[in-house]
Protein backbone atom coordinates (compact mmCIF):
# COMPACT_ATOMS: atom_id res chain seq x y z
CA UNK A 1 43.22 32.84 4.69
CA UNK A 2 42.22 30.74 1.76
CA UNK A 3 39.24 28.72 1.01
CA UNK A 4 39.07 25.28 2.73
CA UNK A 5 37.61 22.70 0.57
CA UNK A 6 37.39 19.78 3.14
CA UNK A 7 36.31 21.14 6.49
CA UNK A 8 36.27 17.44 8.04
CA UNK A 9 39.96 16.84 6.81
CA UNK A 10 41.03 20.28 8.23
CA UNK A 11 39.38 19.79 11.61
CA UNK A 12 40.65 16.36 12.22
CA UNK A 13 44.17 17.52 11.03
CA UNK A 14 43.87 20.62 13.53
CA UNK A 15 42.86 17.91 16.34
CA UNK A 16 45.83 15.88 15.78
CA UNK A 17 48.34 18.30 15.45
CA UNK A 18 47.16 20.38 18.66
CA UNK A 19 47.22 16.88 20.34
CA UNK A 20 50.94 16.28 19.38
CA UNK A 21 52.05 19.56 20.44
CA UNK A 22 50.27 19.40 23.81
CA UNK A 23 47.45 22.11 23.59
CA UNK A 24 44.57 21.64 25.91
CA UNK A 25 42.14 22.58 23.29
CA UNK A 26 41.65 23.46 19.84
CA UNK A 27 39.00 25.39 17.56
CA UNK A 28 37.56 23.48 14.83
CA UNK A 29 34.98 24.77 12.15
CA UNK A 30 31.41 24.08 13.15
CA UNK A 31 29.03 21.61 11.27
CA UNK A 32 26.30 19.17 11.94
CA UNK A 33 28.47 16.21 10.37
CA UNK A 34 31.62 17.25 12.42
CA UNK A 35 29.42 17.41 15.55
CA UNK A 36 28.38 13.58 14.84
CA UNK A 37 32.20 12.65 14.44
CA UNK A 38 33.15 14.48 17.59
CA UNK A 39 30.32 12.81 19.42
CA UNK A 40 31.61 9.19 18.37
CA UNK A 41 35.19 10.44 19.24
CA UNK A 42 33.82 11.40 22.69
CA UNK A 43 32.02 8.35 23.22
CA UNK A 44 34.99 6.30 22.71
CA UNK A 45 37.28 8.40 24.88
CA UNK A 46 39.43 10.04 22.32
CA UNK A 47 38.67 13.60 23.16
CA UNK A 48 37.14 15.29 26.46
CA UNK A 49 34.27 17.28 25.23
CA UNK A 50 33.19 19.90 22.73
CA UNK A 51 31.18 22.86 23.08
CA UNK A 52 30.03 25.73 20.90
CA UNK A 53 32.15 28.69 21.67
CA UNK A 54 30.63 31.83 22.91
CA UNK A 55 33.29 34.22 21.41
CA UNK A 56 33.62 32.33 18.19
CA UNK A 57 30.28 31.52 16.63
CA UNK A 58 31.30 29.36 14.03
CA UNK A 59 33.58 27.01 15.88
CA UNK A 60 33.59 24.15 18.41
CA UNK A 61 36.09 24.26 21.07
CA UNK A 62 37.30 20.72 21.40
CA UNK A 63 39.06 19.69 24.72
CA UNK A 64 41.87 17.19 24.04
CA UNK A 65 42.59 14.26 26.49
CA UNK A 66 45.88 13.21 27.74
CA UNK A 67 46.80 10.07 29.81
CA UNK A 68 50.10 10.32 32.19
CA UNK A 69 51.06 13.47 29.93
CA UNK A 70 50.80 11.66 26.63
CA UNK A 71 48.27 12.27 24.10
CA UNK A 72 45.28 9.52 23.80
CA UNK A 73 45.14 9.91 20.22
CA UNK A 74 48.36 8.74 18.48
CA UNK A 75 47.29 9.13 14.93
CA UNK A 76 44.27 10.05 12.71
CA UNK A 77 44.18 8.80 9.44
CA UNK A 78 41.65 10.50 6.94
CA UNK A 79 40.32 7.66 4.65
CA UNK A 80 37.85 9.60 2.37
CA UNK A 81 37.80 13.00 0.61
CA UNK A 82 35.71 14.91 -1.61
CA UNK A 83 37.39 13.67 -4.77
CA UNK A 84 37.86 10.00 -3.54
CA UNK A 85 35.05 8.25 -1.21
CA UNK A 86 35.65 4.96 0.15
CA UNK A 87 32.54 2.74 0.89
CA UNK A 88 32.57 -0.65 2.44
CA UNK A 89 29.66 -3.17 3.23
CA UNK A 90 29.35 -4.54 6.71
CA UNK A 91 30.74 -7.80 5.81
CA UNK A 92 34.21 -6.12 4.79
CA UNK A 93 34.78 -4.17 7.79
CA UNK A 94 37.66 -5.25 9.85
CA UNK A 95 38.69 -4.24 13.32
CA UNK A 96 41.35 -1.43 13.41
CA UNK A 97 44.69 -2.12 15.04
CA UNK A 98 43.34 -5.26 16.61
CA UNK A 99 40.55 -3.17 18.28
CA UNK A 100 42.89 -0.72 19.82
CA UNK A 101 41.72 1.95 17.53
CA UNK A 102 38.42 2.95 15.90
CA UNK A 103 37.27 3.45 12.22
CA UNK A 104 34.45 5.94 11.79
CA UNK A 105 31.88 5.28 9.26
CA UNK A 106 28.93 7.40 7.93
CA UNK A 107 25.81 5.15 7.49
CA UNK A 108 22.35 5.59 6.51
CA UNK A 109 21.65 5.28 10.33
CA UNK A 110 24.07 7.94 11.30
CA UNK A 111 27.95 8.27 12.08
CA UNK A 112 29.29 5.56 14.15
CA UNK A 113 32.20 3.13 14.48
CA UNK A 114 32.80 0.28 12.07
CA UNK A 115 32.20 -2.26 14.96
CA UNK A 116 28.53 -0.75 15.76
CA UNK A 117 28.04 -0.49 11.89
CA UNK A 118 29.03 -4.21 11.81
CA UNK A 119 26.76 -5.27 14.52
CA UNK A 120 23.76 -3.47 12.99
CA UNK A 121 24.61 -4.95 9.61
CA UNK A 122 24.87 -1.60 7.74
CA UNK A 123 27.64 -0.43 5.54
CA UNK A 124 28.70 3.16 4.68
CA UNK A 125 31.52 5.62 3.80
CA UNK A 126 34.68 5.30 5.70
CA UNK A 127 35.66 8.86 7.22
CA UNK A 128 38.68 8.28 9.28
CA UNK A 129 40.58 5.69 11.49
CA UNK A 130 41.81 6.90 15.20
CA UNK A 131 44.40 5.10 17.10
């Protein structure tokens, strides 16, 4: 297995692909930043739960959610990567898919949705959009 340069993109792609196939859970590489992203996803109802796996020390076990047999996550679009970071001020943040989806933003006050960032009047780096 080769080196994975962007663990956040890799983890979000793993979640998206496992969700499309119908898996109950997926293992993603463990990091503090990813834990904050997963907390936001859990608070907004896109994943069930995530726990540190006892068998695999360096991975989180993410429980995926389904509603009437269909995945809750329709699509995850990664907005920033290591070679191209996208930043927005709070005035420029718009609702995603008419508030049917969320945009996750990394701000100086932590990782949150764009709606929370706009309410706190703080901008930041766009991470991904989930619908």
